[in-house]
Amino acid sequence: MILYLHGFDATSPGNHEKMRQLQFIDKDVRLVSYSTQHPKHDMQQLLNEVSRHLQQTDDPAPLIMGVGLGAFWAERIGFLNGLRAVLINPNLSPELDMVGKIDRPEEYADISSKCIVSFRSKNETNALVILSRSDDVNNNAQVYDALNEYYPVIWDEEQPHKFPVLASHLTNIAAFKLG
């Protein structure tokens, strides 16, 4: 089972296309949706939804993945549920990067400060990071600096921030899913 968390643009047709591409890895790909506007409520909803999906599968190696804001959540929700996670162009600081787009950016800062101290060192190697060199939203050099100590990082030379084509990375994602 692959749990897919959309980015800030929840209604993008690219989400369906990425889920379709992920079916080459696992036929059981599920969208886990959230509001993007209310982080504290999103956190609780995501925890509940992921727990529900985990109870409904017998997959010994479920995977959670997200793009952009979805990757922010995939890292945290994956850690809290003991899941491996794939983070594509993760937005590591939505409280800074999304001011004016979300109602309560300070809630992201609060969530980050309440997370387990040094959670990345406790989650080491349980996430795979894929970064676009041509990301027009994130500064992926900063993302790399923040994450490469903890997780393997793959650079993509072609895809933009929303990462519409996963094809060249499906083999890596499949291998990572299986551990």
N, C-alpha and C. Protein backbone atom coordinates (compact mmCIF):
# COMPACT_ATOMS: atom_id res chain seq x y z
N MET A 1 0.84 -1.17 0.00
CA MET A 1 0.00 0.00 0.00
C MET A 1 0.89 1.24 0.00
N ILE A 2 0.51 2.20 -0.82
CA ILE A 2 1.18 3.50 -0.83
C ILE A 2 0.13 4.54 -0.47
N LEU A 3 0.41 5.32 0.56
CA LEU A 3 -0.46 6.42 0.96
C LEU A 3 0.14 7.69 0.36
N TYR A 4 -0.66 8.39 -0.44
CA TYR A 4 -0.18 9.59 -1.15
C TYR A 4 -0.80 10.83 -0.54
N LEU A 5 0.05 11.78 -0.14
CA LEU A 5 -0.40 13.06 0.40
C LEU A 5 -0.11 14.15 -0.62
N HIS A 6 -1.16 14.81 -1.07
CA HIS A 6 -1.02 15.88 -2.06
C HIS A 6 -0.28 17.07 -1.45
N GLY A 7 0.14 17.96 -2.30
CA GLY A 7 0.77 19.20 -1.84
C GLY A 7 -0.28 20.25 -1.56
N PHE A 8 0.14 21.51 -1.53
CA PHE A 8 -0.78 22.60 -1.22
C PHE A 8 -1.91 22.69 -2.24
N ASP A 9 -1.62 22.40 -3.48
CA ASP A 9 -2.63 22.44 -4.54
C ASP A 9 -3.38 21.12 -4.58
N ALA A 10 -4.30 20.96 -3.66
CA ALA A 10 -5.01 19.69 -3.48
C ALA A 10 -5.83 19.26 -4.69
N THR A 11 -6.27 20.21 -5.50
CA THR A 11 -7.16 19.88 -6.61
C THR A 11 -6.43 19.72 -7.93
N SER A 12 -5.12 19.74 -7.92
CA SER A 12 -4.35 19.60 -9.16
C SER A 12 -4.60 18.23 -9.80
N PRO A 13 -4.85 18.20 -11.12
CA PRO A 13 -5.02 16.90 -11.79
C PRO A 13 -3.74 16.07 -11.75
N GLY A 14 -2.62 16.71 -11.47
CA GLY A 14 -1.35 16.00 -11.36
C GLY A 14 -1.34 15.00 -10.22
N ASN A 15 -2.15 15.21 -9.19
CA ASN A 15 -2.21 14.26 -8.08
C ASN A 15 -2.72 12.91 -8.56
N HIS A 16 -3.78 12.93 -9.34
CA HIS A 16 -4.33 11.67 -9.88
C HIS A 16 -3.29 10.99 -10.77
N GLU A 17 -2.60 11.77 -11.58
CA GLU A 17 -1.59 11.20 -12.49
C GLU A 17 -0.45 10.56 -11.70
N LYS A 18 0.02 11.20 -10.63
CA LYS A 18 1.09 10.60 -9.82
C LYS A 18 0.60 9.31 -9.16
N MET A 19 -0.64 9.30 -8.69
CA MET A 19 -1.19 8.09 -8.08
C MET A 19 -1.27 6.96 -9.11
N ARG A 20 -1.62 7.31 -10.34
CA ARG A 20 -1.68 6.31 -11.40
C ARG A 20 -0.28 5.75 -11.69
N GLN A 21 0.72 6.62 -11.71
CA GLN A 21 2.09 6.17 -11.94
C GLN A 21 2.57 5.26 -10.80
N LEU A 22 2.17 5.58 -9.58
CA LEU A 22 2.59 4.78 -8.42
C LEU A 22 2.00 3.37 -8.46
N GLN A 23 0.92 3.18 -9.21
CA GLN A 23 0.32 1.85 -9.32
C GLN A 23 1.23 0.86 -10.05
N PHE A 24 2.28 1.35 -10.70
CA PHE A 24 3.27 0.44 -11.27
C PHE A 24 4.10 -0.22 -10.17
N ILE A 25 4.13 0.40 -9.00
CA ILE A 25 4.85 -0.14 -7.85
C ILE A 25 3.93 -1.02 -7.01
N ASP A 26 2.73 -0.51 -6.76
CA ASP A 26 1.77 -1.20 -5.89
C ASP A 26 0.37 -0.84 -6.37
N LYS A 27 -0.46 -1.81 -6.60
CA LYS A 27 -1.83 -1.56 -7.09
C LYS A 27 -2.67 -0.81 -6.06
N ASP A 28 -2.29 -0.89 -4.79
CA ASP A 28 -3.05 -0.26 -3.71
C ASP A 28 -2.44 1.11 -3.37
N VAL A 29 -2.88 2.13 -4.11
CA VAL A 29 -2.42 3.51 -3.87
C VAL A 29 -3.63 4.30 -3.39
N ARG A 30 -3.48 4.95 -2.23
CA ARG A 30 -4.61 5.64 -1.63
C ARG A 30 -4.27 7.11 -1.37
N LEU A 31 -5.19 7.97 -1.74
CA LEU A 31 -5.05 9.40 -1.46
C LEU A 31 -5.47 9.66 -0.01
N VAL A 32 -4.62 10.35 0.71
CA VAL A 32 -4.98 10.80 2.06
C VAL A 32 -5.03 12.31 1.97
N SER A 33 -6.23 12.85 2.02
CA SER A 33 -6.44 14.28 1.80
C SER A 33 -6.53 15.03 3.12
N TYR A 34 -6.24 16.31 3.05
CA TYR A 34 -6.29 17.19 4.22
C TYR A 34 -6.59 18.60 3.71
N SER A 35 -6.91 19.51 4.60
CA SER A 35 -7.41 20.82 4.19
C SER A 35 -6.35 21.76 3.61
N THR A 36 -5.13 21.68 4.05
CA THR A 36 -4.00 22.58 3.77
C THR A 36 -4.12 23.93 4.46
N GLN A 37 -5.26 24.22 5.04
CA GLN A 37 -5.48 25.54 5.64
C GLN A 37 -5.36 25.55 7.17
N HIS A 38 -5.60 24.43 7.80
CA HIS A 38 -5.67 24.38 9.26
C HIS A 38 -4.73 23.30 9.80
N PRO A 39 -3.46 23.62 9.96
CA PRO A 39 -2.45 22.60 10.29
C PRO A 39 -2.74 21.75 11.51
N LYS A 40 -3.20 22.32 12.61
CA LYS A 40 -3.45 21.48 13.80
C LYS A 40 -4.55 20.46 13.53
N HIS A 41 -5.61 20.88 12.83
CA HIS A 41 -6.66 19.94 12.48
C HIS A 41 -6.16 18.93 11.46
N ASP A 42 -5.33 19.41 10.51
CA ASP A 42 -4.77 18.50 9.50
C ASP A 42 -3.95 17.41 10.16
N MET A 43 -3.15 17.77 11.14
CA MET A 43 -2.29 16.79 11.82
C MET A 43 -3.15 15.67 12.42
N GLN A 44 -4.19 16.04 13.14
CA GLN A 44 -5.05 15.04 13.77
C GLN A 44 -5.78 14.21 12.72
N GLN A 45 -6.29 14.87 11.68
CA GLN A 45 -6.99 14.14 10.63
C GLN A 45 -6.05 13.16 9.94
N LEU A 46 -4.84 13.61 9.62
CA LEU A 46 -3.88 12.73 8.95
C LEU A 46 -3.51 11.53 9.81
N LEU A 47 -3.29 11.76 11.09
CA LEU A 47 -2.99 10.65 11.99
C LEU A 47 -4.14 9.64 12.02
N ASN A 48 -5.36 10.14 12.11
CA ASN A 48 -6.53 9.26 12.14
C ASN A 48 -6.70 8.50 10.83
N GLU A 49 -6.57 9.21 9.70
CA GLU A 49 -6.75 8.58 8.40
C GLU A 49 -5.68 7.52 8.13
N VAL A 50 -4.42 7.85 8.44
CA VAL A 50 -3.35 6.88 8.21
C VAL A 50 -3.56 5.66 9.09
N SER A 51 -3.95 5.86 10.32
CA SER A 51 -4.23 4.74 11.22
C SER A 51 -5.33 3.86 10.65
N ARG A 52 -6.37 4.48 10.13
CA ARG A 52 -7.48 3.73 9.54
C ARG A 52 -7.01 2.91 8.33
N HIS A 53 -6.21 3.53 7.46
CA HIS A 53 -5.70 2.82 6.28
C HIS A 53 -4.79 1.66 6.69
N LEU A 54 -3.97 1.87 7.70
CA LEU A 54 -3.07 0.81 8.15
C LEU A 54 -3.84 -0.39 8.70
N GLN A 55 -4.98 -0.13 9.33
CA GLN A 55 -5.81 -1.22 9.85
C GLN A 55 -6.48 -2.00 8.73
N GLN A 56 -6.60 -1.39 7.55
CA GLN A 56 -7.30 -2.01 6.43
C GLN A 56 -6.37 -2.73 5.45
N THR A 57 -5.10 -2.86 5.79
CA THR A 57 -4.18 -3.50 4.85
C THR A 57 -3.38 -4.60 5.55
N ASP A 58 -2.97 -5.57 4.75
CA ASP A 58 -2.07 -6.59 5.27
C ASP A 58 -0.67 -6.43 4.65
N ASP A 59 -0.43 -5.30 4.00
CA ASP A 59 0.87 -5.02 3.39
C ASP A 59 1.93 -4.95 4.49
N PRO A 60 2.97 -5.77 4.42
CA PRO A 60 4.01 -5.74 5.44
C PRO A 60 4.94 -4.53 5.33
N ALA A 61 4.86 -3.80 4.20
CA ALA A 61 5.76 -2.65 4.00
C ALA A 61 5.00 -1.47 3.39
N PRO A 62 4.00 -0.95 4.10
CA PRO A 62 3.30 0.22 3.55
C PRO A 62 4.24 1.42 3.49
N LEU A 63 3.94 2.32 2.57
CA LEU A 63 4.77 3.49 2.33
C LEU A 63 3.89 4.73 2.33
N ILE A 64 4.40 5.82 2.85
CA ILE A 64 3.71 7.10 2.77
C ILE A 64 4.58 8.04 1.96
N MET A 65 3.96 8.82 1.10
CA MET A 65 4.75 9.77 0.33
C MET A 65 3.96 11.02 0.05
N GLY A 66 4.70 12.11 -0.16
CA GLY A 66 4.05 13.37 -0.47
C GLY A 66 4.98 14.27 -1.26
N VAL A 67 4.36 15.28 -1.87
CA VAL A 67 5.07 16.28 -2.64
C VAL A 67 4.84 17.64 -2.00
N GLY A 68 5.91 18.43 -1.84
CA GLY A 68 5.79 19.78 -1.29
C GLY A 68 5.28 19.75 0.13
N LEU A 69 4.13 20.38 0.36
CA LEU A 69 3.52 20.38 1.69
C LEU A 69 3.14 18.96 2.12
N GLY A 70 2.75 18.14 1.16
CA GLY A 70 2.45 16.73 1.47
C GLY A 70 3.67 16.00 2.01
N ALA A 71 4.86 16.38 1.54
CA ALA A 71 6.09 15.75 2.04
C ALA A 71 6.41 16.22 3.46
N PHE A 72 6.06 17.47 3.79
CA PHE A 72 6.19 17.94 5.18
C PHE A 72 5.43 16.98 6.09
N TRP A 73 4.19 16.68 5.69
CA TRP A 73 3.35 15.80 6.50
C TRP A 73 3.81 14.35 6.43
N ALA A 74 4.21 13.88 5.25
CA ALA A 74 4.63 12.48 5.10
C ALA A 74 5.80 12.15 6.03
N GLU A 75 6.74 13.09 6.17
CA GLU A 75 7.88 12.83 7.06
C GLU A 75 7.41 12.66 8.50
N ARG A 76 6.56 13.55 8.97
CA ARG A 76 6.11 13.52 10.37
C ARG A 76 5.13 12.38 10.65
N ILE A 77 4.13 12.24 9.79
CA ILE A 77 3.12 11.19 9.99
C ILE A 77 3.78 9.82 9.81
N GLY A 78 4.69 9.71 8.86
CA GLY A 78 5.43 8.47 8.67
C GLY A 78 6.22 8.11 9.92
N PHE A 79 6.93 9.08 10.47
CA PHE A 79 7.71 8.85 11.69
C PHE A 79 6.80 8.39 12.84
N LEU A 80 5.70 9.10 13.04
CA LEU A 80 4.81 8.78 14.16
C LEU A 80 4.12 7.42 14.00
N ASN A 81 4.04 6.92 12.76
CA ASN A 81 3.41 5.63 12.51
C ASN A 81 4.40 4.53 12.16
N GLY A 82 5.69 4.83 12.22
CA GLY A 82 6.70 3.83 11.91
C GLY A 82 6.72 3.42 10.45
N LEU A 83 6.35 4.33 9.55
CA LEU A 83 6.31 4.05 8.12
C LEU A 83 7.53 4.62 7.41
N ARG A 84 7.95 3.95 6.37
CA ARG A 84 8.94 4.53 5.48
C ARG A 84 8.24 5.61 4.67
N ALA A 85 8.98 6.67 4.34
CA ALA A 85 8.37 7.81 3.65
C ALA A 85 9.24 8.24 2.47
N VAL A 86 8.58 8.66 1.40
CA VAL A 86 9.26 9.28 0.27
C VAL A 86 8.84 10.75 0.26
N LEU A 87 9.83 11.61 0.31
CA LEU A 87 9.61 13.06 0.38
C LEU A 87 10.07 13.69 -0.92
N ILE A 88 9.15 14.22 -1.68
CA ILE A 88 9.49 14.85 -2.96
C ILE A 88 9.38 16.36 -2.79
N ASN A 89 10.50 17.05 -3.00
CA ASN A 89 10.55 18.51 -2.86
C ASN A 89 9.83 18.98 -1.60
N PRO A 90 10.22 18.45 -0.43
CA PRO A 90 9.48 18.79 0.78
C PRO A 90 9.58 20.27 1.16
N ASN A 91 8.46 20.81 1.58
CA ASN A 91 8.43 22.16 2.13
C ASN A 91 8.71 22.00 3.62
N LEU A 92 9.91 22.32 4.04
CA LEU A 92 10.30 22.09 5.44
C LEU A 92 9.85 23.20 6.38
N SER A 93 9.50 24.36 5.84
CA SER A 93 9.12 25.49 6.70
C SER A 93 7.88 26.19 6.16
N PRO A 94 6.74 25.52 6.15
CA PRO A 94 5.54 26.17 5.62
C PRO A 94 5.17 27.44 6.38
N GLU A 95 5.55 27.52 7.65
CA GLU A 95 5.23 28.73 8.43
C GLU A 95 5.95 29.96 7.87
N LEU A 96 7.03 29.76 7.13
CA LEU A 96 7.75 30.86 6.50
C LEU A 96 7.41 30.97 5.01
N ASP A 97 7.29 29.82 4.35
CA ASP A 97 7.13 29.79 2.90
C ASP A 97 5.70 30.02 2.41
N MET A 98 4.72 29.88 3.31
CA MET A 98 3.33 29.92 2.84
C MET A 98 2.52 31.04 3.48
N VAL A 99 3.20 32.01 4.02
CA VAL A 99 2.49 33.16 4.59
C VAL A 99 1.67 33.81 3.48
N GLY A 100 0.42 34.08 3.77
CA GLY A 100 -0.48 34.65 2.77
C GLY A 100 -1.27 33.59 2.01
N LYS A 101 -0.82 32.34 2.07
CA LYS A 101 -1.53 31.25 1.40
C LYS A 101 -2.37 30.45 2.38
N ILE A 102 -1.94 30.41 3.64
CA ILE A 102 -2.65 29.64 4.66
C ILE A 102 -3.08 30.58 5.78
N ASP A 103 -4.12 30.20 6.48
CA ASP A 103 -4.69 31.05 7.52
C ASP A 103 -3.85 31.10 8.78
N ARG A 104 -3.21 30.02 9.13
CA ARG A 104 -2.52 29.93 10.42
C ARG A 104 -1.10 29.39 10.26
N PRO A 105 -0.20 30.15 9.66
CA PRO A 105 1.16 29.63 9.47
C PRO A 105 1.87 29.33 10.79
N GLU A 106 1.50 30.05 11.84
CA GLU A 106 2.15 29.83 13.14
C GLU A 106 1.87 28.42 13.69
N GLU A 107 0.81 27.79 13.22
CA GLU A 107 0.52 26.43 13.68
C GLU A 107 1.57 25.43 13.19
N TYR A 108 2.14 25.69 12.00
CA TYR A 108 3.22 24.82 11.52
C TYR A 108 4.44 24.94 12.42
N ALA A 109 4.76 26.16 12.83
CA ALA A 109 5.89 26.36 13.74
C ALA A 109 5.62 25.64 15.05
N ASP A 110 4.39 25.71 15.54
CA ASP A 110 4.02 25.04 16.78
C ASP A 110 4.15 23.52 16.63
N ILE A 111 3.68 22.98 15.51
CA ILE A 111 3.79 21.54 15.26
C ILE A 111 5.26 21.13 15.23
N SER A 112 6.08 21.90 14.53
CA SER A 112 7.51 21.58 14.44
C SER A 112 8.18 21.62 15.80
N SER A 113 7.80 22.58 16.63
CA SER A 113 8.43 22.69 17.95
C SER A 113 7.97 21.59 18.91
N LYS A 114 6.79 21.02 18.65
CA LYS A 114 6.28 19.97 19.54
C LYS A 114 6.68 18.57 19.10
N CYS A 115 7.29 18.47 17.94
CA CYS A 115 7.71 17.15 17.48
C CYS A 115 8.83 16.65 18.38
N ILE A 116 9.01 15.38 18.42
CA ILE A 116 10.06 14.77 19.25
C ILE A 116 11.40 15.40 18.92
N VAL A 117 12.14 15.76 19.94
CA VAL A 117 13.45 16.37 19.75
C VAL A 117 14.33 15.44 18.92
N SER A 118 14.97 15.99 17.93
CA SER A 118 15.87 15.22 17.05
C SER A 118 15.16 14.04 16.38
N PHE A 119 13.91 14.24 15.99
CA PHE A 119 13.17 13.11 15.40
C PHE A 119 13.84 12.59 14.13
N ARG A 120 14.51 13.46 13.39
CA ARG A 120 15.16 12.97 12.16
C ARG A 120 16.28 11.98 12.48
N SER A 121 17.01 12.20 13.54
CA SER A 121 18.06 11.24 13.88
C SER A 121 17.45 9.91 14.32
N LYS A 122 16.25 9.95 14.90
CA LYS A 122 15.56 8.72 15.29
C LYS A 122 14.87 8.06 14.09
N ASN A 123 14.69 8.82 13.03
CA ASN A 123 14.02 8.34 11.82
C ASN A 123 15.03 8.05 10.70
N GLU A 124 16.29 8.14 11.03
CA GLU A 124 17.36 8.03 10.04
C GLU A 124 17.18 6.82 9.13
N THR A 125 17.33 7.05 7.87
CA THR A 125 17.19 6.09 6.77
C THR A 125 15.75 5.62 6.52
N ASN A 126 14.78 6.11 7.25
CA ASN A 126 13.39 5.72 7.03
C ASN A 126 12.67 6.62 6.04
N ALA A 127 13.41 7.54 5.44
CA ALA A 127 12.82 8.39 4.40
C ALA A 127 13.79 8.46 3.23
N LEU A 128 13.22 8.58 2.05
CA LEU A 128 13.97 8.81 0.82
C LEU A 128 13.54 10.17 0.32
N VAL A 129 14.51 11.01 -0.02
CA VAL A 129 14.22 12.37 -0.47
C VAL A 129 14.55 12.48 -1.96
N ILE A 130 13.62 13.03 -2.72
CA ILE A 130 13.85 13.30 -4.14
C ILE A 130 13.67 14.80 -4.34
N LEU A 131 14.73 15.44 -4.84
CA LEU A 131 14.74 16.90 -5.00
C LEU A 131 14.93 17.29 -6.45
N SER A 132 14.18 18.28 -6.89
CA SER A 132 14.32 18.82 -8.24
C SER A 132 15.35 19.94 -8.23
N ARG A 133 16.29 19.87 -9.16
CA ARG A 133 17.25 20.98 -9.29
C ARG A 133 16.56 22.23 -9.82
N SER A 134 15.46 22.05 -10.57
CA SER A 134 14.77 23.20 -11.15
C SER A 134 13.47 23.52 -10.41
N ASP A 135 13.45 23.29 -9.10
CA ASP A 135 12.27 23.60 -8.29
C ASP A 135 12.08 25.11 -8.25
N ASP A 136 10.90 25.57 -8.67
CA ASP A 136 10.62 27.01 -8.70
C ASP A 136 9.92 27.49 -7.43
N VAL A 137 9.74 26.62 -6.44
CA VAL A 137 9.08 26.98 -5.19
C VAL A 137 10.04 26.88 -4.01
N ASN A 138 10.72 25.76 -3.89
CA ASN A 138 11.65 25.53 -2.77
C ASN A 138 13.08 25.92 -3.13
N ASN A 139 13.84 26.24 -2.11
CA ASN A 139 15.29 26.32 -2.26
C ASN A 139 15.81 24.94 -1.87
N ASN A 140 15.96 24.06 -2.84
CA ASN A 140 16.29 22.67 -2.54
C ASN A 140 17.73 22.48 -2.09
N ALA A 141 18.58 23.46 -2.30
CA ALA A 141 19.93 23.39 -1.72
C ALA A 141 19.81 23.44 -0.19
N GLN A 142 18.91 24.27 0.31
CA GLN A 142 18.68 24.34 1.77
C GLN A 142 18.00 23.07 2.26
N VAL A 143 17.07 22.54 1.50
CA VAL A 143 16.41 21.30 1.88
C VAL A 143 17.45 20.17 1.95
N TYR A 144 18.32 20.11 0.95
CA TYR A 144 19.38 19.11 0.95
C TYR A 144 20.25 19.24 2.20
N ASP A 145 20.66 20.46 2.52
CA ASP A 145 21.50 20.68 3.71
C ASP A 145 20.81 20.22 4.99
N ALA A 146 19.49 20.40 5.05
CA ALA A 146 18.74 20.02 6.25
C ALA A 146 18.54 18.51 6.36
N LEU A 147 18.46 17.80 5.23
CA LEU A 147 18.05 16.40 5.26
C LEU A 147 19.11 15.37 4.91
N ASN A 148 20.16 15.76 4.20
CA ASN A 148 21.09 14.74 3.69
C ASN A 148 21.84 13.99 4.76
N GLU A 149 21.95 14.55 5.94
CA GLU A 149 22.62 13.86 7.04
C GLU A 149 21.80 12.66 7.53
N TYR A 150 20.50 12.72 7.31
CA TYR A 150 19.60 11.71 7.87
C TYR A 150 19.05 10.73 6.84
N TYR A 151 18.83 11.22 5.62
CA TYR A 151 18.15 10.42 4.60
C TYR A 151 18.93 10.42 3.29
N PRO A 152 18.81 9.33 2.51
CA PRO A 152 19.40 9.36 1.18
C PRO A 152 18.64 10.38 0.31
N VAL A 153 19.38 11.08 -0.53
CA VAL A 153 18.80 12.11 -1.39
C VAL A 153 19.13 11.78 -2.84
N ILE A 154 18.11 11.86 -3.68
CA ILE A 154 18.27 11.70 -5.13
C ILE A 154 17.93 13.04 -5.77
N TRP A 155 18.81 13.52 -6.63
CA TRP A 155 18.55 14.76 -7.37
C TRP A 155 17.92 14.43 -8.72
N ASP A 156 16.92 15.20 -9.10
CA ASP A 156 16.30 15.08 -10.41
C ASP A 156 16.65 16.31 -11.22
N GLU A 157 17.05 16.11 -12.44
CA GLU A 157 17.53 17.21 -13.29
C GLU A 157 16.43 17.85 -14.12
N GLU A 158 15.23 17.25 -14.18
CA GLU A 158 14.23 17.72 -15.13
C GLU A 158 12.92 18.21 -14.52
N GLN A 159 12.46 17.59 -13.46
CA GLN A 159 11.11 17.86 -12.96
C GLN A 159 11.01 19.19 -12.20
N PRO A 160 9.87 19.87 -12.34
CA PRO A 160 9.61 21.08 -11.55
C PRO A 160 9.09 20.71 -10.16
N HIS A 161 8.70 21.69 -9.38
CA HIS A 161 8.28 21.48 -7.99
C HIS A 161 7.19 20.43 -7.84
N LYS A 162 6.14 20.50 -8.64
CA LYS A 162 5.02 19.56 -8.49
C LYS A 162 5.35 18.14 -8.95
N PHE A 163 6.47 17.97 -9.63
CA PHE A 163 7.01 16.67 -10.00
C PHE A 163 5.97 15.79 -10.71
N PRO A 164 5.50 16.23 -11.90
CA PRO A 164 4.42 15.49 -12.57
C PRO A 164 4.79 14.10 -13.07
N VAL A 165 6.08 13.85 -13.36
CA VAL A 165 6.46 12.56 -13.93
C VAL A 165 7.41 11.84 -12.97
N LEU A 166 6.92 10.75 -12.40
CA LEU A 166 7.71 9.96 -11.45
C LEU A 166 8.49 8.83 -12.13
N ALA A 167 8.27 8.61 -13.41
CA ALA A 167 8.76 7.42 -14.11
C ALA A 167 10.22 7.09 -13.84
N SER A 168 11.10 8.06 -13.90
CA SER A 168 12.52 7.75 -13.74
C SER A 168 12.89 7.39 -12.30
N HIS A 169 11.96 7.56 -11.38
CA HIS A 169 12.24 7.27 -9.96
C HIS A 169 11.43 6.11 -9.40
N LEU A 170 10.57 5.51 -10.22
CA LEU A 170 9.73 4.42 -9.72
C LEU A 170 10.55 3.23 -9.22
N THR A 171 11.64 2.92 -9.90
CA THR A 171 12.48 1.80 -9.47
C THR A 171 13.07 2.08 -8.09
N ASN A 172 13.56 3.30 -7.88
CA ASN A 172 14.12 3.67 -6.57
C ASN A 172 13.06 3.66 -5.48
N ILE A 173 11.87 4.16 -5.80
CA ILE A 173 10.78 4.18 -4.82
C ILE A 173 10.37 2.75 -4.47
N ALA A 174 10.26 1.90 -5.47
CA ALA A 174 9.87 0.50 -5.23
C ALA A 174 10.90 -0.21 -4.36
N ALA A 175 12.17 -0.02 -4.65
CA ALA A 175 13.23 -0.65 -3.85
C ALA A 175 13.22 -0.12 -2.43
N PHE A 176 12.99 1.17 -2.27
CA PHE A 176 12.94 1.76 -0.93
C PHE A 176 11.75 1.22 -0.14
N LYS A 177 10.61 1.08 -0.81
CA LYS A 177 9.41 0.56 -0.15
C LYS A 177 9.67 -0.82 0.45
N LEU A 178 10.38 -1.64 -0.29
CA LEU A 178 10.64 -3.00 0.17
C LEU A 178 11.75 -3.09 1.19
N GLY A 179 12.47 -1.99 1.37
CA GLY A 179 13.50 -1.93 2.43
C GLY A 179 14.79 -2.52 2.01
